[in-house]
Amino acid sequence: MPQGGPGNPASSGTIASVAPTYADLAYTTVSPTDKLDLYIPNTGSGPFPVVIMVHGGGFMMGDKSDGTGLAGVDQLLADGYAVASINYRLSGEAKYPAQINDAKAAVRFLRANADKYNLNPDKFGAWGASAGGNLVSLLGTTCGVTELEGADLGNADQSSCVQAVVDWFGPIDFLAMDEQFAGTNCPQNHNDASSPESQLVGTPIQTVPDLVKTTNPMNYITPDDAPFFIQNGSADCNIPPIQGKNLADALSPVIGADKVTFILIDGAGHGGSQFTTSENLALVINFLDKYLK
């Protein structure tokens, strides 16, 4: 799988080899974009733990059906997980914080309908790639943060907390990225007005530092945050791999080093086949099993 373009990890076509059990479930009515596909295992009696998949695409593109940058749905189903692949409003439709509002609304919808779909409301994980990695990292660190909740999107009586997070090469600290690429052959263009991050907030990121701070999961870390499994590619020229390392280093002393895994995949870029080997997917699922089974 080739390395994707800026903020746009390559897609493998479809996110799963099977059709969703329930397709295009509207988790809120604010936008026709806000739908999810729910996959239920064919075996086992449930209620099933849930993994919420959040696609990448620079907050500008991508779709729940291809799970841009993601993999592992078939393996999750075989391991007894329900999987919800969500769409969220992209930056061309709505600016931040619409994206995290949507992700939280999807979590609340699934929890509110746990009995209907045979889900375990106490065992929710979130797995995201690239832009989705940022959103799942925010899910894992902003449990109870009212200003990002988007409670008006529905099911406000439900929690948007998750119990485990898998962050694949997500942008974490937008304002640091160009500096972190200094001295490398990677483009330093995240501060540009046309960058995915600037498009997300609607203006060059360096002009709205206070708003950009609210996109950074490291600014919300508390001891009750979810455990994290973080992977970056050492040759990623879209997101500096130090972004994931810094997030892990910030989480470890607060939530416990035993609850944080950081793996730098040697030679890997912004996604690609080294992330989706059976061996690597097994590492991810073993982590999820530890906290969701």
Protein backbone atom coordinates (compact mmCIF):
# COMPACT_ATOMS: atom_id res chain seq x y z
CA MET A 1 0.00 0.00 0.00
CA PRO A 2 1.55 3.33 -0.98
CA GLN A 3 2.00 6.18 1.39
CA GLY A 4 -0.92 8.59 1.22
CA GLY A 5 -0.82 12.26 0.37
CA PRO A 6 -0.84 15.06 2.94
CA GLY A 7 -3.01 13.90 5.79
CA ASN A 8 -4.50 11.29 3.46
CA PRO A 9 -3.38 7.75 4.22
CA ALA A 10 -3.91 5.24 1.48
CA SER A 11 -7.11 3.22 1.53
CA SER A 12 -7.33 -0.48 0.79
CA GLY A 13 -10.79 -0.18 -0.82
CA THR A 14 -13.33 -1.45 1.69
CA ILE A 15 -12.99 -1.55 5.44
CA ALA A 16 -14.34 -5.11 5.76
CA SER A 17 -14.88 -8.22 3.65
CA VAL A 18 -18.52 -8.38 4.78
CA ALA A 19 -21.36 -5.92 4.47
CA PRO A 20 -22.43 -3.99 7.57
CA THR A 21 -25.11 -5.64 9.66
CA TYR A 22 -26.73 -2.22 9.90
CA ALA A 23 -25.75 0.37 7.28
CA ASP A 24 -26.14 4.14 7.41
CA LEU A 25 -27.49 4.47 10.94
CA ALA A 26 -28.05 8.18 11.59
CA TYR A 27 -26.51 8.95 14.97
CA THR A 28 -27.66 12.57 14.96
CA THR A 29 -29.81 14.70 12.66
CA VAL A 30 -27.54 17.75 12.42
CA SER A 31 -26.17 16.64 9.04
CA PRO A 32 -26.88 13.84 6.55
CA THR A 33 -23.16 13.08 6.81
CA ASP A 34 -23.54 11.83 10.36
CA LYS A 35 -24.10 8.13 9.84
CA LEU A 36 -22.34 4.97 10.92
CA ASP A 37 -22.10 1.38 9.73
CA LEU A 38 -22.44 -1.24 12.44
CA TYR A 39 -20.97 -4.72 12.11
CA ILE A 40 -22.10 -7.45 14.54
CA PRO A 41 -20.21 -10.75 14.91
CA ASN A 42 -21.89 -13.81 13.40
CA THR A 43 -20.96 -15.95 16.37
CA GLY A 44 -21.30 -15.43 20.11
CA SER A 45 -24.30 -14.33 22.12
CA GLY A 46 -23.20 -10.85 23.21
CA PRO A 47 -23.54 -8.28 24.49
CA PHE A 48 -20.48 -7.48 22.42
CA PRO A 49 -17.67 -5.04 23.22
CA VAL A 50 -17.50 -2.30 20.60
CA VAL A 51 -14.65 -0.76 18.60
CA ILE A 52 -15.50 2.57 16.99
CA MET A 53 -13.45 3.11 13.83
CA VAL A 54 -12.70 6.71 12.80
CA HIS A 55 -11.28 7.12 9.31
CA GLY A 56 -8.48 9.43 8.22
CA GLY A 57 -8.21 11.82 5.31
CA GLY A 58 -6.91 15.08 6.74
CA PHE A 59 -10.36 16.01 8.09
CA MET A 60 -11.09 16.77 4.41
CA MET A 61 -11.92 13.40 2.84
CA GLY A 62 -12.37 9.73 3.63
CA ASP A 63 -15.42 7.62 4.38
CA LYS A 64 -16.71 5.01 6.79
CA SER A 65 -17.02 2.48 3.98
CA ASP A 66 -13.32 2.45 3.10
CA GLY A 67 -12.07 3.35 6.56
CA THR A 68 -9.28 5.45 5.08
CA GLY A 69 -6.03 4.38 6.76
CA LEU A 70 -7.66 1.67 8.88
CA ALA A 71 -7.74 -2.12 8.85
CA GLY A 72 -8.66 -4.96 11.16
CA VAL A 73 -12.46 -5.09 11.02
CA ASP A 74 -12.53 -8.73 9.92
CA GLN A 75 -10.13 -9.65 12.70
CA LEU A 76 -12.15 -7.72 15.27
CA LEU A 77 -15.37 -9.47 14.24
CA ALA A 78 -13.66 -12.85 14.46
CA ASP A 79 -12.48 -11.93 17.96
CA GLY A 80 -16.00 -11.13 19.13
CA TYR A 81 -16.13 -7.35 18.74
CA ALA A 82 -18.91 -5.30 17.24
CA VAL A 83 -17.45 -2.59 15.01
CA ALA A 84 -18.94 0.82 14.26
CA SER A 85 -17.31 2.73 11.39
CA ILE A 86 -18.40 6.35 11.53
CA ASN A 87 -18.60 9.28 9.19
CA TYR A 88 -18.22 12.76 10.61
CA ARG A 89 -18.55 16.23 9.14
CA LEU A 90 -15.44 17.08 7.13
CA SER A 91 -13.82 20.50 7.15
CA GLY A 92 -15.45 21.49 3.86
CA GLU A 93 -18.84 21.17 5.55
CA ALA A 94 -18.15 22.34 9.09
CA LYS A 95 -15.20 23.66 11.05
CA TYR A 96 -13.81 22.34 14.33
CA PRO A 97 -15.12 21.33 16.87
CA ALA A 98 -17.85 19.75 14.69
CA GLN A 99 -15.66 16.69 14.11
CA ILE A 100 -15.12 15.77 17.77
CA ASN A 101 -18.73 16.74 18.53
CA ASP A 102 -19.80 14.19 15.92
CA ALA A 103 -17.49 11.47 17.22
CA LYS A 104 -18.83 11.95 20.73
CA ALA A 105 -22.41 11.94 19.44
CA ALA A 106 -21.74 8.60 17.73
CA VAL A 107 -20.45 7.12 20.98
CA ARG A 108 -23.51 8.37 22.86
CA PHE A 109 -25.86 7.01 20.18
CA LEU A 110 -24.29 3.56 20.39
CA ARG A 111 -24.49 3.58 24.16
CA ALA A 112 -28.13 4.70 24.09
CA ASN A 113 -28.94 1.85 21.71
CA ALA A 114 -26.73 -0.80 23.30
CA ASP A 115 -29.65 -3.07 24.18
CA LYS A 116 -31.14 -2.78 20.69
CA TYR A 117 -27.90 -3.82 19.00
CA ASN A 118 -26.63 -6.23 21.69
CA LEU A 119 -23.64 -4.08 22.64
CA ASN A 120 -21.82 -3.85 25.96
CA PRO A 121 -22.08 -0.16 26.93
CA ASP A 122 -19.21 -0.48 29.40
CA LYS A 123 -16.68 -1.77 26.87
CA PHE A 124 -16.17 0.80 24.12
CA GLY A 125 -12.86 1.23 22.32
CA ALA A 126 -11.91 3.72 19.60
CA TRP A 127 -9.42 3.15 16.76
CA GLY A 128 -8.50 5.94 14.38
CA ALA A 129 -5.94 6.64 11.67
CA SER A 130 -4.39 10.00 10.78
CA ALA A 131 -7.15 12.60 11.30
CA GLY A 132 -9.12 9.82 12.96
CA GLY A 133 -6.17 9.27 15.28
CA ASN A 134 -6.55 12.82 16.52
CA LEU A 135 -10.27 12.34 17.09
CA VAL A 136 -9.96 9.05 18.98
CA SER A 137 -7.17 10.55 21.09
CA LEU A 138 -9.53 13.37 21.99
CA LEU A 139 -12.23 10.81 22.80
CA GLY A 140 -9.78 9.14 25.16
CA THR A 141 -8.75 12.33 26.97
CA THR A 142 -11.85 14.55 26.98
CA CYS A 143 -14.34 12.40 28.84
CA GLY A 144 -16.57 14.92 30.62
CA VAL A 145 -15.15 18.00 28.86
CA THR A 146 -18.39 19.91 28.30
CA GLU A 147 -17.16 22.35 25.65
CA LEU A 148 -16.28 19.50 23.26
CA GLU A 149 -19.29 17.29 24.00
CA GLY A 150 -21.78 18.65 21.48
CA ALA A 151 -24.59 17.51 23.76
CA ASP A 152 -27.15 19.20 21.53
CA LEU A 153 -26.50 16.48 18.92
CA GLY A 154 -28.52 14.03 20.99
CA ASN A 155 -28.47 11.40 23.72
CA ALA A 156 -27.05 13.93 26.16
CA ASP A 157 -27.85 11.59 29.05
CA GLN A 158 -25.26 9.11 27.77
CA SER A 159 -21.49 9.12 28.32
CA SER A 160 -19.10 9.69 25.42
CA CYS A 161 -16.22 8.08 27.32
CA VAL A 162 -14.25 5.23 25.81
CA GLN A 163 -12.28 2.54 27.61
CA ALA A 164 -9.38 2.05 25.17
CA VAL A 165 -7.79 4.05 22.33
CA VAL A 166 -5.74 2.99 19.32
CA ASP A 167 -4.07 5.99 17.65
CA TRP A 168 -2.45 5.28 14.31
CA PHE A 169 -0.23 8.21 13.25
CA GLY A 170 -2.64 10.93 14.32
CA PRO A 171 -1.75 14.64 14.35
CA ILE A 172 -1.63 15.69 17.99
CA ASP A 173 0.12 19.05 18.36
CA PHE A 174 -0.67 20.96 15.17
CA LEU A 175 1.47 23.99 15.94
CA ALA A 176 4.62 21.91 16.51
CA MET A 177 4.61 19.92 13.29
CA ASP A 178 6.53 22.23 10.99
CA GLU A 179 9.22 22.78 13.61
CA GLN A 180 9.46 19.03 14.18
CA PHE A 181 10.08 18.50 10.46
CA ALA A 182 12.86 21.13 10.37
CA GLY A 183 16.11 19.67 9.09
CA THR A 184 14.37 16.77 7.35
CA ASN A 185 13.38 16.22 3.74
CA CYS A 186 9.72 16.35 4.73
CA PRO A 187 7.60 19.36 3.69
CA GLN A 188 6.97 21.95 6.36
CA ASN A 189 3.52 23.08 5.31
CA HIS A 190 1.20 22.55 8.25
CA ASN A 191 1.12 26.27 9.05
CA ASP A 192 -0.03 27.07 5.51
CA ALA A 193 -3.56 28.37 5.05
CA SER A 194 -4.27 25.41 2.76
CA SER A 195 -3.06 22.73 5.18
CA PRO A 196 -5.55 20.17 6.50
CA GLU A 197 -5.14 21.56 9.99
CA SER A 198 -5.73 25.16 8.92
CA GLN A 199 -8.72 24.09 6.85
CA LEU A 200 -10.07 22.29 9.91
CA VAL A 201 -10.12 25.45 12.05
CA GLY A 202 -10.94 27.79 9.16
CA THR A 203 -7.82 29.95 9.28
CA PRO A 204 -4.02 29.47 9.47
CA ILE A 205 -3.43 27.55 12.67
CA GLN A 206 -0.81 29.93 14.06
CA THR A 207 -3.36 32.78 14.04
CA VAL A 208 -5.74 31.00 16.46
CA PRO A 209 -3.50 29.32 19.04
CA ASP A 210 -6.19 29.19 21.72
CA LEU A 211 -8.57 27.33 19.42
CA VAL A 212 -5.81 25.02 18.24
CA LYS A 213 -5.01 24.13 21.85
CA THR A 214 -8.45 22.53 22.06
CA THR A 215 -7.53 20.13 19.24
CA ASN A 216 -4.55 18.79 21.21
CA PRO A 217 -5.32 15.74 23.38
CA MET A 218 -2.24 16.44 25.51
CA ASN A 219 -4.00 19.48 26.96
CA TYR A 220 -6.73 17.34 28.54
CA ILE A 221 -4.87 14.43 30.14
CA THR A 222 -6.19 13.31 33.54
CA PRO A 223 -5.60 10.16 35.60
CA ASP A 224 -8.90 8.56 34.55
CA ASP A 225 -8.17 8.69 30.82
CA ALA A 226 -8.42 5.58 28.69
CA PRO A 227 -5.40 3.35 28.04
CA PHE A 228 -3.62 4.16 24.76
CA PHE A 229 -1.91 2.13 22.04
CA ILE A 230 -0.02 4.49 19.70
CA GLN A 231 1.85 3.66 16.50
CA ASN A 232 3.74 5.89 14.09
CA GLY A 233 5.94 5.19 11.09
CA SER A 234 9.54 6.33 11.31
CA ALA A 235 9.44 7.56 7.68
CA ASP A 236 6.12 9.43 7.93
CA CYS A 237 6.43 12.76 6.10
CA ASN A 238 2.84 13.81 6.80
CA ILE A 239 2.79 13.60 10.60
CA PRO A 240 6.07 13.81 12.52
CA PRO A 241 6.45 10.49 14.35
CA ILE A 242 7.56 12.38 17.46
CA GLN A 243 3.91 13.46 17.78
CA GLY A 244 2.92 9.98 18.93
CA LYS A 245 5.97 9.65 21.18
CA ASN A 246 5.21 12.95 22.87
CA LEU A 247 1.60 11.91 23.47
CA ALA A 248 2.76 8.64 25.02
CA ASP A 249 5.29 10.46 27.18
CA ALA A 250 2.60 12.88 28.39
CA LEU A 251 0.13 10.10 29.18
CA SER A 252 2.46 7.68 30.95
CA PRO A 253 3.18 9.58 34.19
CA VAL A 254 -0.49 10.52 34.57
CA ILE A 255 -2.43 7.36 33.71
CA GLY A 256 0.38 4.89 34.34
CA ALA A 257 3.11 3.65 32.02
CA ASP A 258 1.53 0.19 32.04
CA LYS A 259 -1.52 1.64 30.25
CA VAL A 260 0.45 3.26 27.42
CA THR A 261 2.09 1.52 24.47
CA PHE A 262 4.09 3.42 21.86
CA ILE A 263 5.57 1.62 18.87
CA LEU A 264 7.63 3.29 16.15
CA ILE A 265 7.43 1.10 13.05
CA ASP A 266 10.80 1.27 11.33
CA GLY A 267 10.63 2.43 7.74
CA ALA A 268 6.85 2.83 7.67
CA GLY A 269 5.29 5.96 6.24
CA HIS A 270 1.89 7.52 6.80
CA GLY A 271 0.08 4.22 7.01
CA GLY A 272 0.67 1.35 4.64
CA SER A 273 1.25 -2.36 4.69
CA GLN A 274 3.53 -2.43 7.74
CA PHE A 275 0.60 -1.34 9.88
CA THR A 276 -1.77 -3.93 8.45
CA THR A 277 0.28 -7.12 8.73
CA SER A 278 -1.38 -9.92 10.64
CA GLU A 279 1.33 -9.60 13.27
CA ASN A 280 0.70 -5.91 13.83
CA LEU A 281 -3.07 -6.27 13.86
CA ALA A 282 -2.64 -8.98 16.48
CA LEU A 283 -0.73 -6.51 18.67
CA VAL A 284 -3.58 -4.02 18.39
CA ILE A 285 -6.27 -6.57 19.15
CA ASN A 286 -4.32 -8.00 22.08
CA PHE A 287 -4.23 -4.49 23.54
CA LEU A 288 -7.98 -4.08 23.03
CA ASP A 289 -8.62 -7.50 24.58
CA LYS A 290 -6.77 -6.43 27.71
CA TYR A 291 -9.18 -3.58 28.37
CA LEU A 292 -12.41 -4.54 26.61
CA LYS A 293 -12.74 -8.26 27.27
